Amino acid sequence: MGLSTNLRQFRRDHSGAALVEFTLIAPLLISLMCGLAEFGQALRQYHIMEKGVRDAARYLSRVPANPPCVAADANWGTYVTQAKNLAVYGVTTSGTALFNGWTTATVSVADPTCIANPRGALAPDLPKITVTATAPYADLGMLSAIGLGPITLTVSHEELKVS
């Protein structure tokens, strides 16, 4: 057998091609899989925060106490604390946070602002309650591996207080 015969036989042999192709593509596939997991984790944490803040604002809009912009009620501060607990723990009392790194200190309730009632001048003004939360994103390690710094998620919800 000559050299040209050996080269022709080598060109026709495809037995290791799949291994070489997989070796070239595997890092890209692993990176995509880790990126999807990281993105899913971020969406999960954002959704938990959004639901908690929405529940807290709705809770404050339905409590019997009057907010400061209408006529300050002595119980309003207690309801604000319960709303913060509702956002973070899912209940009005303290407990286990819905995700690590989230505390009641990261939830804030702005002083309600009264807006004119659209029903007319004779109707009382409506307090607008704003609840905002910020929390550091607890990444899975992919962001720090590619050199991205910490990310802070911020969620806000507004609700009108019903009379």
Protein backbone atom coordinates (compact mmCIF):
# COMPACT_ATOMS: atom_id res chain seq x y z
CA MET A 1 0.00 0.00 0.00
CA GLY A 2 1.21 3.39 -0.96
CA LEU A 3 0.81 6.72 0.68
CA SER A 4 -2.06 7.76 -1.58
CA THR A 5 -4.01 4.60 -0.67
CA ASN A 6 -3.56 5.30 3.06
CA LEU A 7 -4.75 8.93 2.64
CA ARG A 8 -7.85 7.81 0.71
CA GLN A 9 -8.70 5.26 3.41
CA PHE A 10 -8.17 7.89 6.17
CA ARG A 11 -10.45 10.35 4.36
CA ARG A 12 -13.28 7.78 4.22
CA ASP A 13 -13.00 6.79 7.90
CA HIS A 14 -15.62 8.66 10.01
CA SER A 15 -15.46 6.62 13.24
CA GLY A 16 -14.23 9.46 15.53
CA ALA A 17 -16.09 12.36 13.92
CA ALA A 18 -18.95 12.40 16.42
CA LEU A 19 -16.55 12.56 19.36
CA VAL A 20 -14.67 15.48 17.84
CA GLU A 21 -17.89 17.34 17.03
CA PHE A 22 -19.25 16.80 20.54
CA THR A 23 -15.96 17.99 22.05
CA LEU A 24 -16.26 21.21 20.07
CA ILE A 25 -19.96 21.82 20.84
CA ALA A 26 -20.13 20.63 24.51
CA PRO A 27 -18.86 23.89 26.11
CA LEU A 28 -21.48 25.89 24.18
CA LEU A 29 -24.28 23.51 25.20
CA ILE A 30 -23.21 23.55 28.86
CA SER A 31 -23.03 27.36 28.83
CA LEU A 32 -26.53 27.60 27.36
CA MET A 33 -27.90 25.17 29.94
CA CYS A 34 -26.32 27.12 32.84
CA GLY A 35 -27.57 30.41 31.39
CA LEU A 36 -31.12 29.09 31.16
CA ALA A 37 -30.97 27.87 34.76
CA GLU A 38 -29.69 31.28 35.91
CA PHE A 39 -32.41 33.10 33.97
CA GLY A 40 -35.07 30.79 35.41
CA GLN A 41 -33.79 31.45 38.94
CA ALA A 42 -33.93 35.23 38.35
CA LEU A 43 -37.51 34.99 37.05
CA ARG A 44 -38.50 32.84 40.03
CA GLN A 45 -37.09 35.31 42.57
CA TYR A 46 -38.63 38.29 40.77
CA HIS A 47 -42.03 36.57 40.68
CA ILE A 48 -41.90 35.80 44.43
CA MET A 49 -41.03 39.44 45.16
CA GLU A 50 -43.74 40.74 42.85
CA LYS A 51 -46.41 38.53 44.40
CA GLY A 52 -45.37 39.48 47.94
CA VAL A 53 -45.38 43.21 47.23
CA ARG A 54 -48.75 42.99 45.49
CA ASP A 55 -50.22 41.06 48.43
CA ALA A 56 -48.83 43.62 50.91
CA ALA A 57 -50.31 46.56 48.99
CA ARG A 58 -53.69 44.84 48.70
CA TYR A 59 -53.62 44.03 52.41
CA LEU A 60 -52.98 47.68 53.29
CA SER A 61 -55.74 48.82 50.95
CA ARG A 62 -58.28 46.67 52.81
CA VAL A 63 -57.36 47.20 56.51
CA PRO A 64 -59.81 49.16 58.67
CA ALA A 65 -57.23 51.74 59.80
CA ASN A 66 -56.90 55.09 58.05
CA PRO A 67 -53.53 55.98 56.49
CA PRO A 68 -51.73 59.22 57.42
CA CYS A 69 -52.98 61.22 54.43
CA VAL A 70 -56.65 60.80 55.49
CA ALA A 71 -56.67 60.91 59.28
CA ALA A 72 -53.77 59.28 61.06
CA ASP A 73 -54.86 56.11 62.82
CA ALA A 74 -52.86 54.66 65.72
CA ASN A 75 -53.09 51.15 64.22
CA TRP A 76 -51.64 52.10 60.82
CA GLY A 77 -48.04 51.33 61.90
CA THR A 78 -49.06 47.86 63.07
CA TYR A 79 -50.73 47.16 59.73
CA VAL A 80 -47.65 48.36 57.85
CA THR A 81 -45.49 45.91 59.84
CA GLN A 82 -47.95 43.12 59.09
CA ALA A 83 -47.90 44.02 55.39
CA LYS A 84 -44.10 43.85 55.32
CA ASN A 85 -44.26 40.43 56.96
CA LEU A 86 -46.86 39.36 54.41
CA ALA A 87 -44.57 40.38 51.57
CA VAL A 88 -41.49 38.60 52.91
CA TYR A 89 -42.87 35.58 54.77
CA GLY A 90 -46.27 35.07 53.11
CA VAL A 91 -48.05 35.54 56.47
CA THR A 92 -48.70 38.61 58.66
CA THR A 93 -46.43 37.26 61.39
CA SER A 94 -42.71 36.57 61.10
CA GLY A 95 -41.44 33.21 59.88
CA THR A 96 -39.17 31.85 57.19
CA ALA A 97 -38.47 34.17 54.26
CA LEU A 98 -39.80 33.07 50.88
CA PHE A 99 -36.20 33.14 49.57
CA ASN A 100 -32.80 33.66 51.16
CA GLY A 101 -31.60 37.22 51.51
CA TRP A 102 -35.01 38.84 51.68
CA THR A 103 -35.93 40.59 54.92
CA THR A 104 -38.62 43.01 56.04
CA ALA A 105 -35.96 45.74 56.00
CA THR A 106 -35.88 45.52 52.19
CA VAL A 107 -39.62 46.23 51.95
CA SER A 108 -40.75 49.82 52.26
CA VAL A 109 -44.21 51.36 52.41
CA ALA A 110 -44.27 54.97 51.23
CA ASP A 111 -46.46 57.45 53.03
CA PRO A 112 -49.79 57.26 51.20
CA THR A 113 -50.70 60.17 48.98
CA CYS A 114 -54.31 61.21 48.60
CA ILE A 115 -55.62 61.63 45.08
CA ALA A 116 -58.90 63.20 44.05
CA ASN A 117 -61.77 60.77 43.86
CA PRO A 118 -62.99 60.40 40.26
CA ARG A 119 -66.59 60.14 41.51
CA GLY A 120 -66.74 63.83 42.16
CA ALA A 121 -65.91 66.60 44.57
CA LEU A 122 -68.28 65.32 47.27
CA ALA A 123 -66.58 61.91 47.47
CA PRO A 124 -63.62 61.59 49.85
CA ASP A 125 -60.07 61.52 48.49
CA LEU A 126 -58.54 58.09 47.88
CA PRO A 127 -55.21 57.17 49.50
CA LYS A 128 -52.72 55.62 47.07
CA ILE A 129 -50.55 53.03 48.82
CA THR A 130 -47.14 52.23 47.34
CA VAL A 131 -45.12 49.21 48.46
CA THR A 132 -41.58 48.76 47.14
CA ALA A 133 -39.08 45.97 47.73
CA THR A 134 -35.44 45.53 46.80
CA ALA A 135 -33.37 42.41 47.28
CA PRO A 136 -30.03 41.16 46.02
CA TYR A 137 -30.38 38.45 43.41
CA ALA A 138 -29.12 35.14 44.79
CA ASP A 139 -27.39 33.79 41.68
CA LEU A 140 -26.48 30.18 41.03
CA GLY A 141 -22.83 31.07 40.37
CA MET A 142 -22.94 31.58 36.62
CA LEU A 143 -22.96 35.40 36.80
CA SER A 144 -19.85 35.55 38.97
CA ALA A 145 -18.17 32.98 36.72
CA ILE A 146 -18.53 35.27 33.70
CA GLY A 147 -17.51 38.36 35.67
CA LEU A 148 -20.86 40.06 36.28
CA GLY A 149 -21.28 41.82 39.60
CA PRO A 150 -24.20 41.49 41.98
CA ILE A 151 -27.68 42.29 40.68
CA THR A 152 -30.40 43.96 42.73
CA LEU A 153 -34.03 43.28 41.90
CA THR A 154 -36.59 46.02 42.60
CA VAL A 155 -40.37 45.60 42.58
CA SER A 156 -43.09 48.16 43.26
CA HIS A 157 -46.88 48.04 43.42
CA GLU A 158 -49.52 50.75 43.92
CA GLU A 159 -53.04 50.22 45.19
CA LEU A 160 -55.90 52.57 46.04
CA LYS A 161 -57.35 52.19 49.53
CA VAL A 162 -61.02 51.36 49.55
CA SER A 163 -63.29 53.04 52.02
